[in-house]
N, C-alpha and C. Protein backbone atom coordinates (compact mmCIF):
# COMPACT_ATOMS: atom_id res chain seq x y z
N UNK A 1 -54.83 -35.87 -26.41
CA UNK A 1 -54.62 -34.85 -25.43
C UNK A 1 -55.17 -35.35 -24.06
N UNK A 2 -54.47 -35.23 -23.04
CA UNK A 2 -54.91 -35.71 -21.68
C UNK A 2 -54.92 -34.48 -20.71
N UNK A 3 -55.80 -34.69 -19.69
CA UNK A 3 -55.90 -33.62 -18.65
C UNK A 3 -55.44 -34.19 -17.37
N UNK A 4 -54.80 -33.32 -16.49
CA UNK A 4 -54.36 -33.75 -15.18
C UNK A 4 -55.09 -32.94 -14.16
N UNK A 5 -55.74 -33.65 -13.25
CA UNK A 5 -56.47 -32.94 -12.20
C UNK A 5 -55.55 -32.60 -11.06
N UNK A 6 -55.63 -31.36 -10.53
CA UNK A 6 -54.80 -30.95 -9.37
C UNK A 6 -55.68 -30.65 -8.22
N UNK A 7 -56.92 -31.02 -8.21
CA UNK A 7 -57.74 -30.75 -7.03
C UNK A 7 -57.89 -31.96 -6.19
N UNK A 8 -58.25 -31.71 -4.93
CA UNK A 8 -58.47 -32.80 -3.99
C UNK A 8 -59.97 -33.03 -3.92
N UNK A 9 -60.35 -34.24 -3.91
CA UNK A 9 -61.75 -34.52 -3.67
C UNK A 9 -62.12 -34.01 -2.29
N UNK A 10 -63.15 -33.18 -2.21
CA UNK A 10 -63.47 -32.54 -0.97
C UNK A 10 -63.71 -33.52 0.19
N UNK A 11 -64.12 -34.69 -0.11
CA UNK A 11 -64.38 -35.65 0.96
C UNK A 11 -63.03 -36.18 1.51
N UNK A 12 -61.89 -35.96 0.85
CA UNK A 12 -60.65 -36.52 1.43
C UNK A 12 -60.32 -35.91 2.80
N UNK A 13 -60.64 -34.59 3.01
CA UNK A 13 -60.36 -33.90 4.25
C UNK A 13 -61.65 -33.55 4.92
N UNK A 14 -62.79 -34.08 4.57
CA UNK A 14 -64.09 -33.78 5.09
C UNK A 14 -64.13 -33.85 6.62
N UNK A 15 -63.55 -34.83 7.17
CA UNK A 15 -63.61 -35.00 8.62
C UNK A 15 -62.49 -34.25 9.35
N UNK A 16 -61.51 -33.70 8.56
CA UNK A 16 -60.33 -33.00 9.19
C UNK A 16 -60.59 -31.52 9.35
N UNK A 17 -61.46 -30.97 8.52
CA UNK A 17 -61.59 -29.49 8.53
C UNK A 17 -63.02 -29.15 9.01
N UNK A 18 -63.10 -28.30 10.01
CA UNK A 18 -64.41 -27.84 10.56
C UNK A 18 -64.55 -26.37 10.23
N UNK A 19 -65.71 -25.99 9.59
CA UNK A 19 -66.01 -24.62 9.30
C UNK A 19 -67.38 -24.34 9.93
N UNK A 20 -67.41 -23.45 10.87
CA UNK A 20 -68.69 -23.17 11.57
C UNK A 20 -68.73 -21.71 12.10
N UNK A 21 -69.87 -21.14 12.33
CA UNK A 21 -71.10 -21.58 11.79
C UNK A 21 -71.20 -21.30 10.33
N UNK A 22 -71.93 -22.13 9.60
CA UNK A 22 -72.05 -21.97 8.14
C UNK A 22 -73.46 -22.40 7.76
N UNK A 23 -74.36 -21.41 7.47
CA UNK A 23 -74.13 -20.01 7.16
C UNK A 23 -73.67 -19.23 8.51
N UNK A 24 -73.04 -18.11 8.19
CA UNK A 24 -72.57 -17.21 9.24
C UNK A 24 -73.12 -15.80 9.07
N UNK A 25 -73.22 -15.10 10.21
CA UNK A 25 -73.63 -13.74 10.12
C UNK A 25 -72.42 -12.81 10.07
N UNK A 26 -71.21 -13.36 10.11
CA UNK A 26 -70.00 -12.61 10.06
C UNK A 26 -68.74 -13.30 10.50
N UNK A 27 -68.75 -13.85 11.70
CA UNK A 27 -67.55 -14.53 12.22
C UNK A 27 -67.70 -16.00 11.85
N UNK A 28 -66.66 -16.56 11.22
CA UNK A 28 -66.62 -17.98 10.88
C UNK A 28 -65.32 -18.53 11.45
N UNK A 29 -65.39 -19.73 12.05
CA UNK A 29 -64.24 -20.41 12.60
C UNK A 29 -63.83 -21.53 11.69
N UNK A 30 -62.54 -21.63 11.45
CA UNK A 30 -61.94 -22.74 10.67
C UNK A 30 -60.95 -23.38 11.53
N UNK A 31 -61.12 -24.73 11.69
CA UNK A 31 -60.11 -25.48 12.50
C UNK A 31 -59.85 -26.86 11.91
N UNK A 32 -58.65 -27.27 12.17
CA UNK A 32 -58.25 -28.62 11.77
C UNK A 32 -56.99 -28.99 12.48
N UNK A 33 -56.70 -30.26 12.52
CA UNK A 33 -55.50 -30.84 13.05
C UNK A 33 -54.95 -31.83 12.12
N UNK A 34 -54.09 -31.40 11.23
CA UNK A 34 -53.61 -32.27 10.18
C UNK A 34 -52.18 -31.89 9.76
N UNK A 35 -51.24 -32.70 10.01
CA UNK A 35 -49.85 -32.49 9.67
C UNK A 35 -49.62 -32.14 8.17
N UNK A 36 -50.42 -32.79 7.29
CA UNK A 36 -50.32 -32.55 5.87
C UNK A 36 -50.53 -31.07 5.49
N UNK A 37 -51.33 -30.36 6.28
CA UNK A 37 -51.71 -28.97 5.96
C UNK A 37 -50.57 -27.96 6.25
N UNK A 38 -49.61 -28.38 7.01
CA UNK A 38 -48.52 -27.43 7.40
C UNK A 38 -47.84 -26.86 6.14
N UNK A 39 -47.77 -25.55 6.08
CA UNK A 39 -47.19 -24.84 4.98
C UNK A 39 -48.18 -24.52 3.86
N UNK A 40 -49.42 -24.89 4.10
CA UNK A 40 -50.48 -24.53 3.09
C UNK A 40 -50.91 -23.13 3.16
N UNK A 41 -51.70 -22.73 2.27
CA UNK A 41 -52.25 -21.38 2.20
C UNK A 41 -53.79 -21.48 2.37
N UNK A 42 -54.34 -20.69 3.27
CA UNK A 42 -55.76 -20.57 3.38
C UNK A 42 -56.23 -19.25 2.83
N UNK A 43 -57.25 -19.28 1.97
CA UNK A 43 -57.72 -18.06 1.41
C UNK A 43 -59.27 -18.12 1.28
N UNK A 44 -59.90 -16.98 1.34
CA UNK A 44 -61.30 -16.85 1.10
C UNK A 44 -61.52 -15.84 0.00
N UNK A 45 -62.30 -16.26 -1.00
CA UNK A 45 -62.56 -15.44 -2.16
C UNK A 45 -64.08 -15.10 -2.30
N UNK A 46 -64.39 -13.93 -2.68
CA UNK A 46 -65.84 -13.64 -2.94
C UNK A 46 -66.30 -14.17 -4.30
N UNK A 47 -67.51 -13.94 -4.61
CA UNK A 47 -68.14 -14.51 -5.86
C UNK A 47 -67.44 -13.92 -7.11
N UNK A 48 -66.87 -12.75 -7.03
CA UNK A 48 -66.12 -12.18 -8.13
C UNK A 48 -64.70 -12.66 -8.26
N UNK A 49 -64.31 -13.58 -7.32
CA UNK A 49 -62.93 -14.08 -7.32
C UNK A 49 -61.93 -13.29 -6.60
N UNK A 50 -62.30 -12.21 -5.99
CA UNK A 50 -61.37 -11.35 -5.23
C UNK A 50 -61.05 -11.99 -3.89
N UNK A 51 -59.79 -12.02 -3.59
CA UNK A 51 -59.36 -12.55 -2.29
C UNK A 51 -59.69 -11.57 -1.17
N UNK A 52 -60.43 -12.04 -0.16
CA UNK A 52 -60.85 -11.22 0.94
C UNK A 52 -60.11 -11.66 2.22
N UNK A 53 -59.40 -12.75 2.21
CA UNK A 53 -58.66 -13.23 3.38
C UNK A 53 -57.55 -14.19 2.87
N UNK A 54 -56.37 -14.08 3.53
CA UNK A 54 -55.16 -14.86 3.18
C UNK A 54 -54.38 -15.14 4.44
N UNK A 55 -53.97 -16.39 4.56
CA UNK A 55 -53.04 -16.72 5.69
C UNK A 55 -52.25 -18.00 5.38
N UNK A 56 -50.99 -17.98 5.70
CA UNK A 56 -50.14 -19.17 5.54
C UNK A 56 -50.36 -19.99 6.80
N UNK A 57 -50.58 -21.27 6.66
CA UNK A 57 -50.83 -22.20 7.78
C UNK A 57 -49.46 -22.66 8.32
N UNK A 58 -49.11 -22.21 9.51
CA UNK A 58 -47.80 -22.51 10.08
C UNK A 58 -47.86 -23.48 11.29
N UNK A 59 -49.03 -24.16 11.49
CA UNK A 59 -49.13 -25.07 12.59
C UNK A 59 -50.05 -26.20 12.18
N UNK A 60 -49.75 -27.41 12.60
CA UNK A 60 -50.63 -28.58 12.21
C UNK A 60 -51.97 -28.56 13.05
N UNK A 61 -51.98 -27.85 14.15
CA UNK A 61 -53.23 -27.59 14.89
C UNK A 61 -53.60 -26.19 14.63
N UNK A 62 -54.58 -26.00 13.79
CA UNK A 62 -54.96 -24.63 13.26
C UNK A 62 -56.36 -24.29 13.67
N UNK A 63 -56.49 -23.13 14.22
CA UNK A 63 -57.86 -22.55 14.54
C UNK A 63 -57.80 -21.11 14.24
N UNK A 64 -58.73 -20.62 13.42
CA UNK A 64 -58.74 -19.28 12.99
C UNK A 64 -60.16 -18.76 12.96
N UNK A 65 -60.42 -17.63 13.65
CA UNK A 65 -61.71 -16.94 13.55
C UNK A 65 -61.58 -15.81 12.59
N UNK A 66 -62.43 -15.84 11.60
CA UNK A 66 -62.30 -14.86 10.51
C UNK A 66 -63.60 -14.00 10.50
N UNK A 67 -63.40 -12.71 10.50
CA UNK A 67 -64.54 -11.80 10.50
C UNK A 67 -64.84 -11.38 9.02
N UNK A 68 -65.96 -11.78 8.57
CA UNK A 68 -66.42 -11.44 7.27
C UNK A 68 -67.55 -10.39 7.23
N UNK A 69 -67.79 -9.84 8.43
CA UNK A 69 -68.95 -8.93 8.58
C UNK A 69 -68.83 -7.65 7.76
N UNK A 70 -67.64 -7.31 7.36
CA UNK A 70 -67.51 -6.13 6.50
C UNK A 70 -67.67 -6.46 4.98
N UNK A 71 -67.91 -7.69 4.68
CA UNK A 71 -68.14 -8.16 3.28
C UNK A 71 -69.61 -8.18 2.98
N UNK A 72 -69.98 -8.15 1.72
CA UNK A 72 -71.36 -8.28 1.29
C UNK A 72 -71.87 -9.68 1.48
N UNK A 73 -73.18 -9.77 1.83
CA UNK A 73 -73.78 -11.14 1.98
C UNK A 73 -73.63 -11.86 0.69
N UNK A 74 -73.55 -13.18 0.80
CA UNK A 74 -73.42 -13.98 -0.44
C UNK A 74 -72.62 -15.24 -0.17
N UNK A 75 -72.15 -15.86 -1.24
CA UNK A 75 -71.35 -17.09 -1.15
C UNK A 75 -69.90 -16.78 -1.37
N UNK A 76 -69.08 -17.36 -0.49
CA UNK A 76 -67.63 -17.21 -0.54
C UNK A 76 -66.99 -18.55 -0.69
N UNK A 77 -65.82 -18.61 -1.27
CA UNK A 77 -65.05 -19.87 -1.42
C UNK A 77 -63.92 -19.89 -0.44
N UNK A 78 -63.93 -20.84 0.38
CA UNK A 78 -62.79 -21.14 1.25
C UNK A 78 -61.89 -22.10 0.53
N UNK A 79 -60.67 -21.76 0.30
CA UNK A 79 -59.68 -22.58 -0.41
C UNK A 79 -58.49 -22.83 0.44
N UNK A 80 -58.08 -24.06 0.55
CA UNK A 80 -56.81 -24.39 1.19
C UNK A 80 -55.93 -25.02 0.13
N UNK A 81 -54.86 -24.25 -0.19
CA UNK A 81 -53.95 -24.66 -1.31
C UNK A 81 -52.70 -25.33 -0.65
N UNK A 82 -52.51 -26.59 -0.99
CA UNK A 82 -51.27 -27.20 -0.50
C UNK A 82 -50.71 -28.06 -1.59
N UNK A 83 -49.39 -27.98 -1.67
CA UNK A 83 -48.61 -28.62 -2.74
C UNK A 83 -49.25 -28.22 -4.05
N UNK A 84 -49.76 -29.15 -4.85
CA UNK A 84 -50.41 -28.79 -6.11
C UNK A 84 -51.89 -29.15 -6.08
N UNK A 85 -52.47 -29.11 -4.90
CA UNK A 85 -53.86 -29.44 -4.69
C UNK A 85 -54.65 -28.29 -4.03
N UNK A 86 -56.01 -28.35 -4.20
CA UNK A 86 -56.84 -27.38 -3.61
C UNK A 86 -58.00 -28.04 -2.89
N UNK A 87 -58.26 -27.72 -1.64
CA UNK A 87 -59.50 -28.12 -0.96
C UNK A 87 -60.37 -26.88 -0.99
N UNK A 88 -61.65 -27.05 -1.42
CA UNK A 88 -62.60 -25.96 -1.43
C UNK A 88 -63.88 -26.24 -0.71
N UNK A 89 -64.41 -25.22 -0.07
CA UNK A 89 -65.73 -25.28 0.65
C UNK A 89 -66.39 -23.99 0.54
N UNK A 90 -67.71 -24.04 0.41
CA UNK A 90 -68.52 -22.81 0.36
C UNK A 90 -68.78 -22.28 1.75
N UNK A 91 -68.73 -20.97 1.90
CA UNK A 91 -69.16 -20.28 3.07
C UNK A 91 -70.23 -19.36 2.71
N UNK A 92 -71.33 -19.43 3.43
CA UNK A 92 -72.53 -18.59 3.10
C UNK A 92 -72.58 -17.50 4.14
N UNK A 93 -72.47 -16.25 3.72
CA UNK A 93 -72.53 -15.11 4.56
C UNK A 93 -73.99 -14.49 4.46
N UNK A 94 -74.73 -14.61 5.55
CA UNK A 94 -76.07 -14.02 5.56
C UNK A 94 -76.17 -13.07 6.71
N UNK A 95 -76.48 -11.89 6.45
CA UNK A 95 -76.56 -10.85 7.50
C UNK A 95 -77.97 -10.64 7.92
């Protein structure tokens, strides 16, 4: 039996994706300039796995300010899903 990995090593896009401030008190900015990301999905999930943010990426130059201030403090997962791969990064919400 063999396994196939469908995730991207986080360091592959490490220099392409900026997430700041992190930790955040509520507003987090996500930005990148990468043609490969066009058509991808950006989502943020809470620790229970519930999606709290969703957006289709329709531009290779992407900047989005996301307000998480109405969410409980804790750790959130930023996921960018493209093709059959996932880029993940932790966002820490501290109020």
